Amino acid sequence: MKGPQTIYGIHKEIKKSRGFKYTRYPSVLKRVKALEESAHLKRAPPKKTAGGFEITVYELAARAYLSIILDSIGLEELIKKMSENTALQILQDIILDLENESF
């Protein structure tokens, strides 16, 4: 994603991608809403249009950046490269998150 974008801007970028030329706007809208709900996208400060209206823009959240990194280098490779302190901090955060969630 090229910085914060509107759903229309995201739709235009997707249509430029190979194999997605005929992707419809409602499909992109549903996916953006699902990614926002799963905390992969977040709302950025609204943009003002030429007409003076405010429109919602979306940007990648930390969870999305982490997903991109893990997809590109792999979890095993990441674990090999991190320090013991970093691994310990991640483990502590995971344990705290699991304790705070109700299943």
C-alpha atoms as a PDB file:
ATOM      1  CA  MET A   1       0.000   0.000   0.000  1.00  0.00           C
ATOM      2  CA  LYS A   2       1.318   3.427  -0.912  1.00  0.00           C
ATOM      3  CA  GLY A   3       0.589   5.276   2.309  1.00  0.00           C
ATOM      4  CA  PRO A   4      -2.906   6.009   3.603  1.00  0.00           C
ATOM      5  CA  GLN A   5      -5.562   5.608   0.895  1.00  0.00           C
ATOM      6  CA  THR A   6      -9.282   5.771   0.437  1.00  0.00           C
ATOM      7  CA  ILE A   7     -11.185   2.618  -0.469  1.00  0.00           C
ATOM      8  CA  TYR A   8     -11.514   4.022  -3.987  1.00  0.00           C
ATOM      9  CA  GLY A   9      -7.718   4.504  -4.159  1.00  0.00           C
ATOM     10  CA  ILE A  10      -7.147   0.953  -2.917  1.00  0.00           C
ATOM     11  CA  HIS A  11      -9.584  -0.288  -5.573  1.00  0.00           C
ATOM     12  CA  LYS A  12      -7.686   1.575  -8.315  1.00  0.00           C
ATOM     13  CA  GLU A  13      -4.349   0.089  -7.162  1.00  0.00           C
ATOM     14  CA  ILE A  14      -5.769  -3.444  -7.023  1.00  0.00           C
ATOM     15  CA  LYS A  15      -7.174  -3.144 -10.548  1.00  0.00           C
ATOM     16  CA  LYS A  16      -3.666  -2.294 -11.807  1.00  0.00           C
ATOM     17  CA  SER A  17      -2.353  -5.621 -10.477  1.00  0.00           C
ATOM     18  CA  ARG A  18      -2.101  -8.549 -12.827  1.00  0.00           C
ATOM     19  CA  GLY A  19      -5.139 -10.812 -12.637  1.00  0.00           C
ATOM     20  CA  PHE A  20      -7.263  -8.269 -10.740  1.00  0.00           C
ATOM     21  CA  LYS A  21      -8.357  -6.051 -13.641  1.00  0.00           C
ATOM     22  CA  TYR A  22     -12.045  -6.855 -13.215  1.00  0.00           C
ATOM     23  CA  THR A  23     -12.179  -6.655  -9.415  1.00  0.00           C
ATOM     24  CA  ARG A  24     -15.323  -4.840  -8.384  1.00  0.00           C
ATOM     25  CA  TYR A  25     -15.482  -2.017  -5.854  1.00  0.00           C
ATOM     26  CA  PRO A  26     -17.963  -3.820  -3.534  1.00  0.00           C
ATOM     27  CA  SER A  27     -15.501  -6.726  -3.215  1.00  0.00           C
ATOM     28  CA  VAL A  28     -12.737  -4.339  -2.190  1.00  0.00           C
ATOM     29  CA  LEU A  29     -15.094  -2.570   0.225  1.00  0.00           C
ATOM     30  CA  LYS A  30     -15.983  -5.860   1.962  1.00  0.00           C
ATOM     31  CA  ARG A  31     -12.333  -6.883   2.213  1.00  0.00           C
ATOM     32  CA  VAL A  32     -11.232  -3.498   3.589  1.00  0.00           C
ATOM     33  CA  LYS A  33     -13.956  -3.679   6.248  1.00  0.00           C
ATOM     34  CA  ALA A  34     -12.892  -7.243   7.151  1.00  0.00           C
ATOM     35  CA  LEU A  35      -9.234  -6.210   7.378  1.00  0.00           C
ATOM     36  CA  GLU A  36     -10.182  -3.246   9.563  1.00  0.00           C
ATOM     37  CA  GLU A  37     -12.157  -5.538  11.864  1.00  0.00           C
ATOM     38  CA  SER A  38      -9.208  -7.958  12.123  1.00  0.00           C
ATOM     39  CA  ALA A  39      -6.906  -4.981  12.926  1.00  0.00           C
ATOM     40  CA  HIS A  40      -4.758  -5.351   9.783  1.00  0.00           C
ATOM     41  CA  LEU A  41      -5.949  -1.956   8.533  1.00  0.00           C
ATOM     42  CA  LYS A  42      -6.673   1.090  10.612  1.00  0.00           C
ATOM     43  CA  ARG A  43      -8.274   4.429   9.900  1.00  0.00           C
ATOM     44  CA  ALA A  44      -5.847   7.279   9.400  1.00  0.00           C
ATOM     45  CA  PRO A  45      -6.765  10.914  10.009  1.00  0.00           C
ATOM     46  CA  PRO A  46      -9.444  11.888   7.453  1.00  0.00           C
ATOM     47  CA  LYS A  47      -8.523  13.690   4.205  1.00  0.00           C
ATOM     48  CA  LYS A  48     -10.275  16.800   2.995  1.00  0.00           C
ATOM     49  CA  THR A  49     -11.571  16.723  -0.562  1.00  0.00           C
ATOM     50  CA  ALA A  50     -11.559  19.669  -2.950  1.00  0.00           C
ATOM     51  CA  GLY A  51     -15.233  20.153  -2.084  1.00  0.00           C
ATOM     52  CA  GLY A  52     -14.418  20.448   1.614  1.00  0.00           C
ATOM     53  CA  PHE A  53     -15.733  17.042   2.671  1.00  0.00           C
ATOM     54  CA  GLU A  54     -13.795  14.705   4.929  1.00  0.00           C
ATOM     55  CA  ILE A  55     -13.205  11.180   3.627  1.00  0.00           C
ATOM     56  CA  THR A  56     -11.962   8.114   5.460  1.00  0.00           C
ATOM     57  CA  VAL A  57      -8.495   6.856   4.612  1.00  0.00           C
ATOM     58  CA  TYR A  58      -6.957   3.557   5.654  1.00  0.00           C
ATOM     59  CA  GLU A  59      -3.370   2.566   6.400  1.00  0.00           C
ATOM     60  CA  LEU A  60      -1.628  -0.664   7.310  1.00  0.00           C
ATOM     61  CA  ALA A  61      -1.541  -1.480  11.015  1.00  0.00           C
ATOM     62  CA  ALA A  62       1.410  -3.002  12.867  1.00  0.00           C
ATOM     63  CA  ARG A  63      -0.236  -6.432  12.572  1.00  0.00           C
ATOM     64  CA  ALA A  64      -0.191  -6.138   8.761  1.00  0.00           C
ATOM     65  CA  TYR A  65       3.473  -5.122   8.685  1.00  0.00           C
ATOM     66  CA  LEU A  66       4.309  -8.086  10.912  1.00  0.00           C
ATOM     67  CA  SER A  67       2.380 -10.400   8.577  1.00  0.00           C
ATOM     68  CA  ILE A  68       4.322  -9.059   5.582  1.00  0.00           C
ATOM     69  CA  ILE A  69       7.674  -9.577   7.327  1.00  0.00           C
ATOM     70  CA  LEU A  70       6.782 -13.067   8.507  1.00  0.00           C
ATOM     71  CA  ASP A  71       5.587 -13.978   5.027  1.00  0.00           C
ATOM     72  CA  SER A  72       8.765 -12.722   3.381  1.00  0.00           C
ATOM     73  CA  ILE A  73      11.415 -14.164   5.723  1.00  0.00           C
ATOM     74  CA  GLY A  74       9.523 -16.878   7.568  1.00  0.00           C
ATOM     75  CA  LEU A  75       8.990 -17.459  11.255  1.00  0.00           C
ATOM     76  CA  GLU A  76      11.912 -19.865  11.675  1.00  0.00           C
ATOM     77  CA  GLU A  77      14.360 -17.422  10.083  1.00  0.00           C
ATOM     78  CA  LEU A  78      13.086 -14.591  12.264  1.00  0.00           C
ATOM     79  CA  ILE A  79      13.515 -16.671  15.413  1.00  0.00           C
ATOM     80  CA  LYS A  80      17.078 -17.573  14.399  1.00  0.00           C
ATOM     81  CA  LYS A  81      17.999 -13.913  13.883  1.00  0.00           C
ATOM     82  CA  MET A  82      16.474 -12.396  17.025  1.00  0.00           C
ATOM     83  CA  SER A  83      18.351 -11.928  20.272  1.00  0.00           C
ATOM     84  CA  GLU A  84      17.515 -13.832  23.435  1.00  0.00           C
ATOM     85  CA  ASN A  85      16.125 -10.656  25.020  1.00  0.00           C
ATOM     86  CA  THR A  86      13.835 -10.007  22.050  1.00  0.00           C
ATOM     87  CA  ALA A  87      12.581 -13.603  22.121  1.00  0.00           C
ATOM     88  CA  LEU A  88      11.948 -13.331  25.861  1.00  0.00           C
ATOM     89  CA  GLN A  89      10.025 -10.069  25.445  1.00  0.00           C
ATOM     90  CA  ILE A  90       7.838 -11.536  22.674  1.00  0.00           C
ATOM     91  CA  LEU A  91       7.182 -14.648  24.767  1.00  0.00           C
ATOM     92  CA  GLN A  92       6.184 -12.509  27.767  1.00  0.00           C
ATOM     93  CA  ASP A  93       3.819 -10.423  25.618  1.00  0.00           C
ATOM     94  CA  ILE A  94       2.188 -13.542  24.173  1.00  0.00           C
ATOM     95  CA  ILE A  95       1.701 -15.061  27.624  1.00  0.00           C
ATOM     96  CA  LEU A  96       0.179 -11.825  28.965  1.00  0.00           C
ATOM     97  CA  ASP A  97      -2.169 -11.575  25.983  1.00  0.00           C
ATOM     98  CA  LEU A  98      -3.288 -15.175  26.436  1.00  0.00           C
ATOM     99  CA  GLU A  99      -3.899 -14.651  30.166  1.00  0.00           C
ATOM    100  CA  ASN A 100      -5.953 -11.492  29.520  1.00  0.00           C
ATOM    101  CA  GLU A 101      -8.197 -13.043  26.874  1.00  0.00           C
ATOM    102  CA  SER A 102     -11.247 -15.046  27.787  1.00  0.00           C
ATOM    103  CA  PHE A 103     -11.806 -18.109  25.647  1.00  0.00           C
END
